[in-house]
Amino acid sequence: MPIIDEIIAKIPNWQGRKVSIQPLSGGLTNTNYKVVVDETPYFVRVPGESTELLAIDRANEYHNTKAASEAGVAPKVLYHLPEYNVMVLEFIHGRTMSKDALNEPGMPARMAQAIKQLHGGPRFLLDFNMFRLTEYYLSLCRDRGIKIPDGYNERLETVRLIERAMNVKPLPTVPCNNDLLAENYIDDGRQLWLIDYEYSGNNDPTFELGNTCQEMQFNEEQICEVCAAYFGEATPSMIARMKLNMIMSDVGWGLWAAIQAKISSIEFDFWGWAIERWDRAVQKMDSAEFKGWLEEVQR
């Protein structure tokens, strides 16, 4: 029996009712489905193979998805099947966003407002730190002989410089999604919903802001718009924190992509994505502005 059929059979309220299953595209880690039960749609996410290697804690994800729902920015968890690591979620009717859609005028400020709502909600179960996750991913790559981008190890001292600079005046952590790529925003016409809490945890808010700016490839004006909408003004120190976290986004998630290139059965050019992200990180590390960002976050 296919796994999605097993899951449907486990939900008593769905038995004896008309059920239809529609696979959804777009997942980079899992397989997603729209399941319609007597005309009521539900979202069902089935974890992919070996996702535990990516440092996904399913108990943390479940707790944090419920917390984000309480904050009003995530769909409700309607059923939880821990034996399958599956959640059945409220189906959000809206447009799954894209980079192009989120680059439209006014969207950076809307994104920042949704993020701020999440960050003001209930604390998450565990913490998230991209520096520690990067170390874990590197150890996994060493242990399993997974190929990493050329020159990666030679740049680790620069990564340590970034961490030391940002720890001089750390910000209080807040509940963060930490993986707000374009497809993790849904626009229902009234609000932006934030979905997918696999990598969620309490974190520096400027990682969330910098990470999503990097995913959208925002320009300077858009980065300032996000910063001002979130903090009330775009100060040099917060912009610098966001810029350094844009680097860390590519440093960490680039390794994630390299691991996925080895372990994932999903058809996607993960290695090409790893190289693209690493090249962006190196370009920023080598930029004339890099030293200024390090200095600014320590002021």
C-alpha atoms as a PDB file:
ATOM      1  CA  MET A   1       0.000   0.000   0.000  1.00  0.00           C
ATOM      2  CA  PRO A   2       1.417   3.451  -0.883  1.00  0.00           C
ATOM      3  CA  ILE A   3       2.401   5.431   2.195  1.00  0.00           C
ATOM      4  CA  ILE A   4      -0.222   8.145   1.587  1.00  0.00           C
ATOM      5  CA  ASP A   5      -2.961   5.463   1.568  1.00  0.00           C
ATOM      6  CA  GLU A   6      -1.639   4.057   4.856  1.00  0.00           C
ATOM      7  CA  ILE A   7      -1.778   7.533   6.381  1.00  0.00           C
ATOM      8  CA  ILE A   8      -5.350   8.154   5.205  1.00  0.00           C
ATOM      9  CA  ALA A   9      -6.399   4.784   6.640  1.00  0.00           C
ATOM     10  CA  LYS A  10      -5.052   5.866  10.053  1.00  0.00           C
ATOM     11  CA  ILE A  11      -7.388   8.861  10.397  1.00  0.00           C
ATOM     12  CA  PRO A  12     -10.711   7.609  11.839  1.00  0.00           C
ATOM     13  CA  ASN A  13     -12.709  10.705  10.838  1.00  0.00           C
ATOM     14  CA  TRP A  14     -11.919  10.059   7.175  1.00  0.00           C
ATOM     15  CA  GLN A  15     -13.144   6.477   7.073  1.00  0.00           C
ATOM     16  CA  GLY A  16     -16.201   5.775   4.934  1.00  0.00           C
ATOM     17  CA  ARG A  17     -16.002   9.193   3.284  1.00  0.00           C
ATOM     18  CA  LYS A  18     -15.162  10.237  -0.257  1.00  0.00           C
ATOM     19  CA  VAL A  19     -11.400  10.841  -0.415  1.00  0.00           C
ATOM     20  CA  SER A  20      -9.314  12.054  -3.345  1.00  0.00           C
ATOM     21  CA  ILE A  21      -5.530  12.486  -3.405  1.00  0.00           C
ATOM     22  CA  GLN A  22      -3.621  15.039  -5.459  1.00  0.00           C
ATOM     23  CA  PRO A  23       0.210  15.130  -5.368  1.00  0.00           C
ATOM     24  CA  LEU A  24       1.604  18.655  -5.080  1.00  0.00           C
ATOM     25  CA  SER A  25       4.849  19.753  -6.726  1.00  0.00           C
ATOM     26  CA  GLY A  26       7.603  21.890  -5.247  1.00  0.00           C
ATOM     27  CA  GLY A  27       8.900  20.047  -2.175  1.00  0.00           C
ATOM     28  CA  LEU A  28      12.716  19.810  -1.928  1.00  0.00           C
ATOM     29  CA  THR A  29      12.753  17.482   1.079  1.00  0.00           C
ATOM     30  CA  ASN A  30       9.312  15.833   1.267  1.00  0.00           C
ATOM     31  CA  THR A  31       6.364  14.664  -0.796  1.00  0.00           C
ATOM     32  CA  ASN A  32       3.283  16.840  -0.436  1.00  0.00           C
ATOM     33  CA  TYR A  33      -0.370  16.044  -1.087  1.00  0.00           C
ATOM     34  CA  LYS A  34      -3.717  17.792  -1.231  1.00  0.00           C
ATOM     35  CA  VAL A  35      -6.240  15.361   0.192  1.00  0.00           C
ATOM     36  CA  VAL A  36      -9.903  16.255  -0.295  1.00  0.00           C
ATOM     37  CA  VAL A  37     -12.344  14.578   2.092  1.00  0.00           C
ATOM     38  CA  ASP A  38     -16.017  15.174   1.216  1.00  0.00           C
ATOM     39  CA  GLU A  39     -15.042  18.455  -0.502  1.00  0.00           C
ATOM     40  CA  THR A  40     -12.885  19.656   2.438  1.00  0.00           C
ATOM     41  CA  PRO A  41      -9.209  20.009   1.431  1.00  0.00           C
ATOM     42  CA  TYR A  42      -6.278  19.128   3.699  1.00  0.00           C
ATOM     43  CA  PHE A  43      -2.515  19.413   3.257  1.00  0.00           C
ATOM     44  CA  VAL A  44      -0.490  16.264   3.999  1.00  0.00           C
ATOM     45  CA  ARG A  45       3.316  16.268   4.088  1.00  0.00           C
ATOM     46  CA  VAL A  46       5.211  12.953   3.943  1.00  0.00           C
ATOM     47  CA  PRO A  47       8.925  13.191   4.924  1.00  0.00           C
ATOM     48  CA  GLY A  48      11.522  12.208   2.351  1.00  0.00           C
ATOM     49  CA  GLU A  49      14.187   9.532   2.750  1.00  0.00           C
ATOM     50  CA  SER A  50      17.048  10.092   5.233  1.00  0.00           C
ATOM     51  CA  THR A  51      15.828  13.573   6.182  1.00  0.00           C
ATOM     52  CA  GLU A  52      17.045  12.954   9.744  1.00  0.00           C
ATOM     53  CA  LEU A  53      20.572  13.409   8.353  1.00  0.00           C
ATOM     54  CA  LEU A  54      19.673  17.023   7.542  1.00  0.00           C
ATOM     55  CA  ALA A  55      19.212  17.727  11.277  1.00  0.00           C
ATOM     56  CA  ILE A  56      15.421  17.854  11.103  1.00  0.00           C
ATOM     57  CA  ASP A  57      13.838  17.173  14.502  1.00  0.00           C
ATOM     58  CA  ARG A  58      10.231  16.159  13.859  1.00  0.00           C
ATOM     59  CA  ALA A  59       9.090  16.747  17.470  1.00  0.00           C
ATOM     60  CA  ASN A  60      10.527  20.261  17.249  1.00  0.00           C
ATOM     61  CA  GLU A  61       8.790  20.797  13.902  1.00  0.00           C
ATOM     62  CA  TYR A  62       5.416  19.678  15.302  1.00  0.00           C
ATOM     63  CA  HIS A  63       5.688  21.878  18.402  1.00  0.00           C
ATOM     64  CA  ASN A  64       6.816  24.900  16.386  1.00  0.00           C
ATOM     65  CA  THR A  65       4.171  24.529  13.689  1.00  0.00           C
ATOM     66  CA  LYS A  66       1.512  24.654  16.407  1.00  0.00           C
ATOM     67  CA  ALA A  67       3.203  27.702  17.960  1.00  0.00           C
ATOM     68  CA  ALA A  68       3.370  29.480  14.592  1.00  0.00           C
ATOM     69  CA  SER A  69      -0.318  28.732  14.103  1.00  0.00           C
ATOM     70  CA  GLU A  70      -1.034  30.352  17.474  1.00  0.00           C
ATOM     71  CA  ALA A  71       0.886  33.402  16.218  1.00  0.00           C
ATOM     72  CA  GLY A  72      -1.564  33.548  13.295  1.00  0.00           C
ATOM     73  CA  VAL A  73       0.917  33.030  10.469  1.00  0.00           C
ATOM     74  CA  ALA A  74       0.857  29.241   9.926  1.00  0.00           C
ATOM     75  CA  PRO A  75      -1.923  26.759   9.143  1.00  0.00           C
ATOM     76  CA  LYS A  76      -3.452  24.757  11.978  1.00  0.00           C
ATOM     77  CA  VAL A  77      -2.265  21.207  12.694  1.00  0.00           C
ATOM     78  CA  LEU A  78      -5.422  19.096  12.405  1.00  0.00           C
ATOM     79  CA  TYR A  79      -3.942  15.593  12.795  1.00  0.00           C
ATOM     80  CA  HIS A  80      -0.536  14.340  13.878  1.00  0.00           C
ATOM     81  CA  LEU A  81       0.738  10.832  13.093  1.00  0.00           C
ATOM     82  CA  PRO A  82       4.118  10.625  14.878  1.00  0.00           C
ATOM     83  CA  GLU A  83       4.718   7.039  13.750  1.00  0.00           C
ATOM     84  CA  TYR A  84       4.944   8.403  10.181  1.00  0.00           C
ATOM     85  CA  ASN A  85       6.306  11.847  11.177  1.00  0.00           C
ATOM     86  CA  VAL A  86       3.305  13.219   9.329  1.00  0.00           C
ATOM     87  CA  MET A  87       1.182  16.279  10.031  1.00  0.00           C
ATOM     88  CA  VAL A  88      -2.175  16.944   8.375  1.00  0.00           C
ATOM     89  CA  LEU A  89      -2.598  20.689   8.090  1.00  0.00           C
ATOM     90  CA  GLU A  90      -5.362  23.126   7.337  1.00  0.00           C
ATOM     91  CA  PHE A  91      -5.273  23.814   3.584  1.00  0.00           C
ATOM     92  CA  ILE A  92      -4.519  27.474   2.860  1.00  0.00           C
ATOM     93  CA  HIS A  93      -6.284  28.792  -0.226  1.00  0.00           C
ATOM     94  CA  GLY A  94      -3.914  31.230  -1.849  1.00  0.00           C
ATOM     95  CA  ARG A  95      -1.039  31.729  -4.243  1.00  0.00           C
ATOM     96  CA  THR A  96       2.205  29.896  -3.533  1.00  0.00           C
ATOM     97  CA  MET A  97       4.726  32.645  -4.005  1.00  0.00           C
ATOM     98  CA  SER A  98       7.766  32.800  -6.281  1.00  0.00           C
ATOM     99  CA  LYS A  99      10.888  34.960  -6.356  1.00  0.00           C
ATOM    100  CA  ASP A 100       9.322  37.106  -9.065  1.00  0.00           C
ATOM    101  CA  ALA A 101       6.101  37.580  -7.085  1.00  0.00           C
ATOM    102  CA  LEU A 102       7.978  38.535  -3.917  1.00  0.00           C
ATOM    103  CA  ASN A 103      10.100  41.026  -5.848  1.00  0.00           C
ATOM    104  CA  GLU A 104       6.978  43.025  -6.756  1.00  0.00           C
ATOM    105  CA  PRO A 105       6.634  46.540  -5.244  1.00  0.00           C
ATOM    106  CA  GLY A 106       5.560  46.512  -1.596  1.00  0.00           C
ATOM    107  CA  MET A 107       6.210  42.804  -1.082  1.00  0.00           C
ATOM    108  CA  PRO A 108       9.441  43.172   0.982  1.00  0.00           C
ATOM    109  CA  ALA A 109       7.526  45.189   3.600  1.00  0.00           C
ATOM    110  CA  ARG A 110       4.671  42.648   3.651  1.00  0.00           C
ATOM    111  CA  MET A 111       7.194  39.849   4.157  1.00  0.00           C
ATOM    112  CA  ALA A 112       8.803  41.729   7.052  1.00  0.00           C
ATOM    113  CA  GLN A 113       5.414  42.280   8.692  1.00  0.00           C
ATOM    114  CA  ALA A 114       4.528  38.575   8.492  1.00  0.00           C
ATOM    115  CA  ILE A 115       7.948  37.657   9.867  1.00  0.00           C
ATOM    116  CA  LYS A 116       7.572  40.106  12.736  1.00  0.00           C
ATOM    117  CA  GLN A 117       4.216  38.544  13.605  1.00  0.00           C
ATOM    118  CA  LEU A 118       5.853  35.106  13.762  1.00  0.00           C
ATOM    119  CA  HIS A 119       8.726  36.463  15.860  1.00  0.00           C
ATOM    120  CA  GLY A 120       6.272  37.976  18.328  1.00  0.00           C
ATOM    121  CA  GLY A 121       4.498  34.661  18.869  1.00  0.00           C
ATOM    122  CA  PRO A 122       5.121  31.797  21.337  1.00  0.00           C
ATOM    123  CA  ARG A 123       8.702  30.619  21.837  1.00  0.00           C
ATOM    124  CA  PHE A 124       9.763  27.552  19.873  1.00  0.00           C
ATOM    125  CA  LEU A 125      10.932  24.274  21.398  1.00  0.00           C
ATOM    126  CA  LEU A 126      14.601  24.303  20.362  1.00  0.00           C
ATOM    127  CA  ASP A 127      17.161  26.886  19.275  1.00  0.00           C
ATOM    128  CA  PHE A 128      18.663  27.236  15.785  1.00  0.00           C
ATOM    129  CA  ASN A 129      22.205  28.393  15.057  1.00  0.00           C
ATOM    130  CA  MET A 130      23.524  28.327  11.484  1.00  0.00           C
ATOM    131  CA  PHE A 131      27.147  28.265  12.675  1.00  0.00           C
ATOM    132  CA  ARG A 132      26.538  25.034  14.640  1.00  0.00           C
ATOM    133  CA  LEU A 133      24.433  23.540  11.837  1.00  0.00           C
ATOM    134  CA  THR A 134      27.232  24.249   9.364  1.00  0.00           C
ATOM    135  CA  GLU A 135      29.688  22.401  11.623  1.00  0.00           C
ATOM    136  CA  TYR A 136      27.310  19.434  11.797  1.00  0.00           C
ATOM    137  CA  TYR A 137      26.824  19.371   8.022  1.00  0.00           C
ATOM    138  CA  LEU A 138      30.607  19.510   7.493  1.00  0.00           C
ATOM    139  CA  SER A 139      31.159  16.568   9.857  1.00  0.00           C
ATOM    140  CA  LEU A 140      28.469  14.609   8.030  1.00  0.00           C
ATOM    141  CA  CYS A 141      30.152  15.341   4.698  1.00  0.00           C
ATOM    142  CA  ARG A 142      33.518  14.181   6.070  1.00  0.00           C
ATOM    143  CA  ASP A 143      32.085  11.011   7.607  1.00  0.00           C
ATOM    144  CA  ARG A 144      30.164  10.006   4.494  1.00  0.00           C
ATOM    145  CA  GLY A 145      32.587  11.202   1.840  1.00  0.00           C
ATOM    146  CA  ILE A 146      30.126  13.747   0.488  1.00  0.00           C
ATOM    147  CA  LYS A 147      31.611  16.180  -2.015  1.00  0.00           C
ATOM    148  CA  ILE A 148      31.633  19.850  -0.963  1.00  0.00           C
ATOM    149  CA  PRO A 149      32.386  22.955  -3.060  1.00  0.00           C
ATOM    150  CA  ASP A 150      36.048  23.667  -3.826  1.00  0.00           C
ATOM    151  CA  GLY A 151      37.688  26.037  -1.353  1.00  0.00           C
ATOM    152  CA  TYR A 152      35.052  25.542   1.331  1.00  0.00           C
ATOM    153  CA  ASN A 153      37.395  24.492   4.145  1.00  0.00           C
ATOM    154  CA  GLU A 154      39.803  27.318   3.338  1.00  0.00           C
ATOM    155  CA  ARG A 155      37.045  29.849   4.097  1.00  0.00           C
ATOM    156  CA  LEU A 156      36.102  28.527   7.541  1.00  0.00           C
ATOM    157  CA  GLU A 157      38.264  31.097   9.312  1.00  0.00           C
ATOM    158  CA  THR A 158      36.186  33.811   7.617  1.00  0.00           C
ATOM    159  CA  VAL A 159      33.035  32.108   8.921  1.00  0.00           C
ATOM    160  CA  ARG A 160      34.536  32.196  12.419  1.00  0.00           C
ATOM    161  CA  LEU A 161      35.265  35.933  11.972  1.00  0.00           C
ATOM    162  CA  ILE A 162      31.602  36.504  11.158  1.00  0.00           C
ATOM    163  CA  GLU A 163      30.448  34.624  14.262  1.00  0.00           C
ATOM    164  CA  ARG A 164      32.852  36.441  16.566  1.00  0.00           C
ATOM    165  CA  ALA A 165      31.822  39.837  15.190  1.00  0.00           C
ATOM    166  CA  MET A 166      28.105  39.133  15.536  1.00  0.00           C
ATOM    167  CA  ASN A 167      28.520  37.821  19.094  1.00  0.00           C
ATOM    168  CA  VAL A 168      29.945  41.135  20.324  1.00  0.00           C
ATOM    169  CA  LYS A 169      26.433  42.607  20.559  1.00  0.00           C
ATOM    170  CA  PRO A 170      24.040  39.663  20.163  1.00  0.00           C
ATOM    171  CA  LEU A 171      20.319  40.186  19.689  1.00  0.00           C
ATOM    172  CA  PRO A 172      17.715  38.353  21.802  1.00  0.00           C
ATOM    173  CA  THR A 173      16.532  35.248  19.990  1.00  0.00           C
ATOM    174  CA  VAL A 174      12.980  34.930  18.683  1.00  0.00           C
ATOM    175  CA  PRO A 175      10.961  32.070  17.127  1.00  0.00           C
ATOM    176  CA  CYS A 176      12.183  31.864  13.519  1.00  0.00           C
ATOM    177  CA  ASN A 177      11.244  29.731  10.521  1.00  0.00           C
ATOM    178  CA  ASN A 178      14.869  29.944   9.259  1.00  0.00           C
ATOM    179  CA  ASP A 179      13.988  28.654   5.786  1.00  0.00           C
ATOM    180  CA  LEU A 180      11.800  31.311   4.171  1.00  0.00           C
ATOM    181  CA  LEU A 181      12.432  30.682   0.517  1.00  0.00           C
ATOM    182  CA  ALA A 182       9.793  31.967  -1.882  1.00  0.00           C
ATOM    183  CA  GLU A 183       7.643  28.835  -1.893  1.00  0.00           C
ATOM    184  CA  ASN A 184       7.261  28.977   1.889  1.00  0.00           C
ATOM    185  CA  TYR A 185       5.092  32.086   1.564  1.00  0.00           C
ATOM    186  CA  ILE A 186       1.415  31.795   0.591  1.00  0.00           C
ATOM    187  CA  ASP A 187      -0.607  34.916  -0.214  1.00  0.00           C
ATOM    188  CA  ASP A 188      -4.354  34.557   0.367  1.00  0.00           C
ATOM    189  CA  GLY A 189      -5.007  38.150  -0.733  1.00  0.00           C
ATOM    190  CA  ARG A 190      -5.182  39.462   2.829  1.00  0.00           C
ATOM    191  CA  GLN A 191      -2.063  38.138   4.512  1.00  0.00           C
ATOM    192  CA  LEU A 192       1.134  36.227   3.850  1.00  0.00           C
ATOM    193  CA  TRP A 193       1.204  32.803   5.483  1.00  0.00           C
ATOM    194  CA  LEU A 194       4.555  31.258   6.447  1.00  0.00           C
ATOM    195  CA  ILE A 195       4.773  27.484   6.046  1.00  0.00           C
ATOM    196  CA  ASP A 196       7.268  24.616   6.558  1.00  0.00           C
ATOM    197  CA  TYR A 197       8.876  24.609  10.008  1.00  0.00           C
ATOM    198  CA  GLU A 198      11.401  21.783   9.514  1.00  0.00           C
ATOM    199  CA  TYR A 199      14.361  24.022  10.381  1.00  0.00           C
ATOM    200  CA  SER A 200      12.551  26.306  12.782  1.00  0.00           C
ATOM    201  CA  GLY A 201      13.975  27.370  16.116  1.00  0.00           C
ATOM    202  CA  ASN A 202      14.679  30.369  18.304  1.00  0.00           C
ATOM    203  CA  ASN A 203      17.303  32.452  16.525  1.00  0.00           C
ATOM    204  CA  ASP A 204      18.719  35.916  15.850  1.00  0.00           C
ATOM    205  CA  PRO A 205      15.926  37.745  13.950  1.00  0.00           C
ATOM    206  CA  THR A 206      18.430  39.141  11.453  1.00  0.00           C
ATOM    207  CA  PHE A 207      19.210  35.610  10.272  1.00  0.00           C
ATOM    208  CA  GLU A 208      15.558  35.223   9.289  1.00  0.00           C
ATOM    209  CA  LEU A 209      15.568  38.592   7.544  1.00  0.00           C
ATOM    210  CA  GLY A 210      18.917  38.103   5.830  1.00  0.00           C
ATOM    211  CA  ASN A 211      18.110  34.540   4.802  1.00  0.00           C
ATOM    212  CA  THR A 212      14.852  35.474   3.103  1.00  0.00           C
ATOM    213  CA  CYS A 213      16.472  38.498   1.409  1.00  0.00           C
ATOM    214  CA  GLN A 214      19.141  36.171   0.060  1.00  0.00           C
ATOM    215  CA  GLU A 215      16.557  33.662  -1.182  1.00  0.00           C
ATOM    216  CA  MET A 216      14.780  36.449  -3.092  1.00  0.00           C
ATOM    217  CA  GLN A 217      18.059  37.982  -4.291  1.00  0.00           C
ATOM    218  CA  PHE A 218      16.839  41.375  -3.066  1.00  0.00           C
ATOM    219  CA  ASN A 219      18.737  44.497  -4.059  1.00  0.00           C
ATOM    220  CA  GLU A 220      19.973  47.160  -1.635  1.00  0.00           C
ATOM    221  CA  GLU A 221      16.707  49.115  -1.686  1.00  0.00           C
ATOM    222  CA  GLN A 222      14.631  46.000  -0.984  1.00  0.00           C
ATOM    223  CA  ILE A 223      16.935  44.906   1.853  1.00  0.00           C
ATOM    224  CA  CYS A 224      16.506  48.348   3.430  1.00  0.00           C
ATOM    225  CA  GLU A 225      12.728  48.088   2.962  1.00  0.00           C
ATOM    226  CA  VAL A 226      12.652  44.778   4.850  1.00  0.00           C
ATOM    227  CA  CYS A 227      14.844  46.184   7.632  1.00  0.00           C
ATOM    228  CA  ALA A 228      12.796  49.374   8.026  1.00  0.00           C
ATOM    229  CA  ALA A 229       9.468  47.509   7.999  1.00  0.00           C
ATOM    230  CA  TYR A 230      10.725  45.147  10.721  1.00  0.00           C
ATOM    231  CA  PHE A 231      12.741  47.453  12.992  1.00  0.00           C
ATOM    232  CA  GLY A 232      11.115  50.807  12.225  1.00  0.00           C
ATOM    233  CA  GLU A 233      14.260  52.087  10.522  1.00  0.00           C
ATOM    234  CA  ALA A 234      17.102  50.671   8.446  1.00  0.00           C
ATOM    235  CA  THR A 235      20.101  51.302  10.708  1.00  0.00           C
ATOM    236  CA  PRO A 236      23.629  50.522   9.483  1.00  0.00           C
ATOM    237  CA  SER A 237      24.150  47.947  12.249  1.00  0.00           C
ATOM    238  CA  MET A 238      20.987  45.961  11.442  1.00  0.00           C
ATOM    239  CA  ILE A 239      21.685  46.116   7.703  1.00  0.00           C
ATOM    240  CA  ALA A 240      25.206  44.817   8.389  1.00  0.00           C
ATOM    241  CA  ARG A 241      23.817  41.945  10.504  1.00  0.00           C
ATOM    242  CA  MET A 242      21.434  41.065   7.702  1.00  0.00           C
ATOM    243  CA  LYS A 243      24.255  41.162   5.132  1.00  0.00           C
ATOM    244  CA  LEU A 244      26.472  38.846   7.187  1.00  0.00           C
ATOM    245  CA  ASN A 245      23.553  36.484   7.681  1.00  0.00           C
ATOM    246  CA  MET A 246      22.942  36.515   3.935  1.00  0.00           C
ATOM    247  CA  ILE A 247      26.437  35.068   3.644  1.00  0.00           C
ATOM    248  CA  MET A 248      25.725  32.480   6.342  1.00  0.00           C
ATOM    249  CA  SER A 249      22.504  31.514   4.601  1.00  0.00           C
ATOM    250  CA  ASP A 250      24.492  30.485   1.528  1.00  0.00           C
ATOM    251  CA  VAL A 251      27.338  28.957   3.565  1.00  0.00           C
ATOM    252  CA  GLY A 252      24.956  26.662   5.473  1.00  0.00           C
ATOM    253  CA  TRP A 253      22.232  25.910   2.965  1.00  0.00           C
ATOM    254  CA  GLY A 254      24.871  25.375   0.271  1.00  0.00           C
ATOM    255  CA  LEU A 255      26.175  22.428   2.318  1.00  0.00           C
ATOM    256  CA  TRP A 256      22.585  21.254   2.777  1.00  0.00           C
ATOM    257  CA  ALA A 257      22.273  21.149  -1.014  1.00  0.00           C
ATOM    258  CA  ALA A 258      25.526  19.191  -1.336  1.00  0.00           C
ATOM    259  CA  ILE A 259      24.187  16.595   1.118  1.00  0.00           C
ATOM    260  CA  GLN A 260      20.872  16.423  -0.722  1.00  0.00           C
ATOM    261  CA  ALA A 261      22.785  15.812  -3.972  1.00  0.00           C
ATOM    262  CA  LYS A 262      24.077  12.638  -2.333  1.00  0.00           C
ATOM    263  CA  ILE A 263      21.030  11.346  -0.419  1.00  0.00           C
ATOM    264  CA  SER A 264      17.865  12.706  -2.053  1.00  0.00           C
ATOM    265  CA  SER A 265      15.714  10.784  -4.527  1.00  0.00           C
ATOM    266  CA  ILE A 266      13.942  14.005  -5.613  1.00  0.00           C
ATOM    267  CA  GLU A 267      14.718  15.110  -9.174  1.00  0.00           C
ATOM    268  CA  PHE A 268      16.475  18.440  -8.659  1.00  0.00           C
ATOM    269  CA  ASP A 269      19.973  19.758  -9.434  1.00  0.00           C
ATOM    270  CA  PHE A 270      21.056  19.993  -5.805  1.00  0.00           C
ATOM    271  CA  TRP A 271      24.779  20.070  -6.672  1.00  0.00           C
ATOM    272  CA  GLY A 272      24.273  22.966  -9.078  1.00  0.00           C
ATOM    273  CA  TRP A 273      22.403  24.787  -6.309  1.00  0.00           C
ATOM    274  CA  ALA A 274      25.249  24.092  -3.852  1.00  0.00           C
ATOM    275  CA  ILE A 275      27.789  25.639  -6.241  1.00  0.00           C
ATOM    276  CA  GLU A 276      25.551  28.637  -6.955  1.00  0.00           C
ATOM    277  CA  ARG A 277      25.130  29.354  -3.255  1.00  0.00           C
ATOM    278  CA  TRP A 278      28.797  28.905  -2.427  1.00  0.00           C
ATOM    279  CA  ASP A 279      29.846  31.204  -5.261  1.00  0.00           C
ATOM    280  CA  ARG A 280      27.507  33.900  -3.907  1.00  0.00           C
ATOM    281  CA  ALA A 281      28.928  33.527  -0.401  1.00  0.00           C
ATOM    282  CA  VAL A 282      32.511  33.824  -1.656  1.00  0.00           C
ATOM    283  CA  GLN A 283      31.645  36.877  -3.731  1.00  0.00           C
ATOM    284  CA  LYS A 284      30.299  38.643  -0.625  1.00  0.00           C
ATOM    285  CA  MET A 285      33.245  37.561   1.542  1.00  0.00           C
ATOM    286  CA  ASP A 286      35.600  39.030  -1.068  1.00  0.00           C
ATOM    287  CA  SER A 287      33.613  42.245  -1.501  1.00  0.00           C
ATOM    288  CA  ALA A 288      34.955  45.657  -0.529  1.00  0.00           C
ATOM    289  CA  GLU A 289      32.034  46.045   1.912  1.00  0.00           C
ATOM    290  CA  PHE A 290      32.710  42.879   3.935  1.00  0.00           C
ATOM    291  CA  LYS A 291      35.171  44.399   6.406  1.00  0.00           C
ATOM    292  CA  GLY A 292      32.758  47.287   7.031  1.00  0.00           C
ATOM    293  CA  TRP A 293      29.925  44.894   7.873  1.00  0.00           C
ATOM    294  CA  LEU A 294      32.144  43.140  10.441  1.00  0.00           C
ATOM    295  CA  GLU A 295      33.025  46.475  12.026  1.00  0.00           C
ATOM    296  CA  GLU A 296      29.465  47.809  11.976  1.00  0.00           C
ATOM    297  CA  VAL A 297      27.899  44.915  13.901  1.00  0.00           C
ATOM    298  CA  GLN A 298      30.418  45.444  16.716  1.00  0.00           C
ATOM    299  CA  ARG A 299      29.753  49.176  17.206  1.00  0.00           C
END
